[in-house]
């Protein structure tokens, strides 16, 4: 909302705040987030971060994938070596 085009109140009589709240210092009127809301936000943030983590593979699957990659590179090297011209 643009504050330059918003309706302005020029008269204090039509204010929504009662006189007791209008005279309080600003630090007493700051909005506070309730404890259940803060707890819910913390839980939501934790679940969001947990759900976006990368999938974990078991160590044996990581080792097996490394062995397969090594074997694939070895086969590719042997195939390239077999295509080299003989001297």
C-alpha atoms as a PDB file:
ATOM      1  CA  UNK A   1       0.000   0.000   0.000  1.00  0.00           C
ATOM      2  CA  UNK A   2       1.334   3.394  -0.898  1.00  0.00           C
ATOM      3  CA  UNK A   3       1.239   5.738   2.081  1.00  0.00           C
ATOM      4  CA  UNK A   4       1.091   8.806  -0.132  1.00  0.00           C
ATOM      5  CA  UNK A   5      -2.277   7.824  -1.590  1.00  0.00           C
ATOM      6  CA  UNK A   6      -3.734   6.201   1.540  1.00  0.00           C
ATOM      7  CA  UNK A   7      -6.502   8.046   3.360  1.00  0.00           C
ATOM      8  CA  UNK A   8      -5.039  10.188   6.106  1.00  0.00           C
ATOM      9  CA  UNK A   9      -6.556  10.850   9.512  1.00  0.00           C
ATOM     10  CA  UNK A  10      -6.341  14.449  10.501  1.00  0.00           C
ATOM     11  CA  UNK A  11      -8.487  14.294  13.615  1.00  0.00           C
ATOM     12  CA  UNK A  12      -7.477  12.348  16.734  1.00  0.00           C
ATOM     13  CA  UNK A  13     -11.100  11.990  17.854  1.00  0.00           C
ATOM     14  CA  UNK A  14     -11.843   9.295  15.254  1.00  0.00           C
ATOM     15  CA  UNK A  15      -8.869   7.135  16.065  1.00  0.00           C
ATOM     16  CA  UNK A  16      -9.376   3.417  16.686  1.00  0.00           C
ATOM     17  CA  UNK A  17      -6.984   3.458  19.652  1.00  0.00           C
ATOM     18  CA  UNK A  18      -8.362   4.274  23.074  1.00  0.00           C
ATOM     19  CA  UNK A  19      -6.785   7.182  24.959  1.00  0.00           C
ATOM     20  CA  UNK A  20      -4.908   4.845  27.294  1.00  0.00           C
ATOM     21  CA  UNK A  21      -3.119   3.141  24.408  1.00  0.00           C
ATOM     22  CA  UNK A  22      -2.486   6.368  22.512  1.00  0.00           C
ATOM     23  CA  UNK A  23      -0.356   7.749  25.351  1.00  0.00           C
ATOM     24  CA  UNK A  24       1.848   4.664  25.865  1.00  0.00           C
ATOM     25  CA  UNK A  25       5.490   4.786  24.736  1.00  0.00           C
ATOM     26  CA  UNK A  26       6.182   3.034  21.440  1.00  0.00           C
ATOM     27  CA  UNK A  27       8.227   0.214  22.950  1.00  0.00           C
ATOM     28  CA  UNK A  28       5.192  -0.900  24.964  1.00  0.00           C
ATOM     29  CA  UNK A  29       3.010  -1.202  21.874  1.00  0.00           C
ATOM     30  CA  UNK A  30       5.264  -3.394  19.718  1.00  0.00           C
ATOM     31  CA  UNK A  31       3.457  -6.474  18.436  1.00  0.00           C
ATOM     32  CA  UNK A  32       4.722  -9.721  19.920  1.00  0.00           C
ATOM     33  CA  UNK A  33       4.554 -13.153  18.367  1.00  0.00           C
ATOM     34  CA  UNK A  34       2.967 -15.624  20.724  1.00  0.00           C
ATOM     35  CA  UNK A  35       4.911 -18.634  21.963  1.00  0.00           C
ATOM     36  CA  UNK A  36       2.805 -21.233  20.054  1.00  0.00           C
ATOM     37  CA  UNK A  37       3.266 -19.233  16.846  1.00  0.00           C
ATOM     38  CA  UNK A  38       7.023 -19.048  17.345  1.00  0.00           C
ATOM     39  CA  UNK A  39       7.142 -22.765  18.070  1.00  0.00           C
ATOM     40  CA  UNK A  40       5.068 -23.551  14.964  1.00  0.00           C
ATOM     41  CA  UNK A  41       7.349 -21.386  12.820  1.00  0.00           C
ATOM     42  CA  UNK A  42      10.426 -23.140  14.224  1.00  0.00           C
ATOM     43  CA  UNK A  43       8.944 -26.581  13.512  1.00  0.00           C
ATOM     44  CA  UNK A  44       7.903 -25.528  10.001  1.00  0.00           C
ATOM     45  CA  UNK A  45      11.374 -24.215   9.226  1.00  0.00           C
ATOM     46  CA  UNK A  46      12.990 -27.393  10.537  1.00  0.00           C
ATOM     47  CA  UNK A  47      10.688 -29.575   8.428  1.00  0.00           C
ATOM     48  CA  UNK A  48      11.290 -27.441   5.346  1.00  0.00           C
ATOM     49  CA  UNK A  49      15.055 -27.679   5.701  1.00  0.00           C
ATOM     50  CA  UNK A  50      14.863 -31.398   6.442  1.00  0.00           C
ATOM     51  CA  UNK A  51      12.693 -32.078   3.390  1.00  0.00           C
ATOM     52  CA  UNK A  52      15.070 -30.306   0.998  1.00  0.00           C
ATOM     53  CA  UNK A  53      18.215 -32.165   2.037  1.00  0.00           C
ATOM     54  CA  UNK A  54      19.843 -34.425  -0.551  1.00  0.00           C
ATOM     55  CA  UNK A  55      19.009 -38.119  -0.303  1.00  0.00           C
ATOM     56  CA  UNK A  56      21.511 -40.195   1.621  1.00  0.00           C
ATOM     57  CA  UNK A  57      22.737 -43.420   0.123  1.00  0.00           C
ATOM     58  CA  UNK A  58      24.162 -46.221   2.241  1.00  0.00           C
ATOM     59  CA  UNK A  59      27.943 -46.442   2.280  1.00  0.00           C
ATOM     60  CA  UNK A  60      27.876 -49.769   0.464  1.00  0.00           C
ATOM     61  CA  UNK A  61      25.875 -48.214  -2.384  1.00  0.00           C
ATOM     62  CA  UNK A  62      28.422 -45.388  -2.631  1.00  0.00           C
ATOM     63  CA  UNK A  63      31.281 -47.892  -2.788  1.00  0.00           C
ATOM     64  CA  UNK A  64      29.461 -49.994  -5.375  1.00  0.00           C
ATOM     65  CA  UNK A  65      28.840 -46.899  -7.518  1.00  0.00           C
ATOM     66  CA  UNK A  66      32.539 -45.984  -7.278  1.00  0.00           C
ATOM     67  CA  UNK A  67      33.511 -49.518  -8.371  1.00  0.00           C
ATOM     68  CA  UNK A  68      31.103 -49.356 -11.321  1.00  0.00           C
ATOM     69  CA  UNK A  69      32.523 -45.980 -12.368  1.00  0.00           C
ATOM     70  CA  UNK A  70      36.073 -47.327 -12.130  1.00  0.00           C
ATOM     71  CA  UNK A  71      35.157 -50.406 -14.199  1.00  0.00           C
ATOM     72  CA  UNK A  72      33.426 -48.209 -16.793  1.00  0.00           C
ATOM     73  CA  UNK A  73      36.529 -46.027 -17.114  1.00  0.00           C
ATOM     74  CA  UNK A  74      38.743 -49.104 -17.414  1.00  0.00           C
ATOM     75  CA  UNK A  75      36.567 -50.592 -20.199  1.00  0.00           C
ATOM     76  CA  UNK A  76      36.542 -47.264 -22.039  1.00  0.00           C
ATOM     77  CA  UNK A  77      40.341 -47.078 -21.773  1.00  0.00           C
ATOM     78  CA  UNK A  78      40.712 -50.643 -23.089  1.00  0.00           C
ATOM     79  CA  UNK A  79      38.383 -49.897 -26.009  1.00  0.00           C
ATOM     80  CA  UNK A  80      40.347 -46.778 -26.931  1.00  0.00           C
ATOM     81  CA  UNK A  81      43.604 -48.683 -26.621  1.00  0.00           C
ATOM     82  CA  UNK A  82      42.292 -51.429 -28.945  1.00  0.00           C
ATOM     83  CA  UNK A  83      41.525 -48.842 -31.657  1.00  0.00           C
ATOM     84  CA  UNK A  84      45.050 -47.408 -31.662  1.00  0.00           C
ATOM     85  CA  UNK A  85      46.985 -48.180 -34.833  1.00  0.00           C
ATOM     86  CA  UNK A  86      49.778 -50.703 -34.504  1.00  0.00           C
ATOM     87  CA  UNK A  87      53.264 -49.387 -35.217  1.00  0.00           C
END
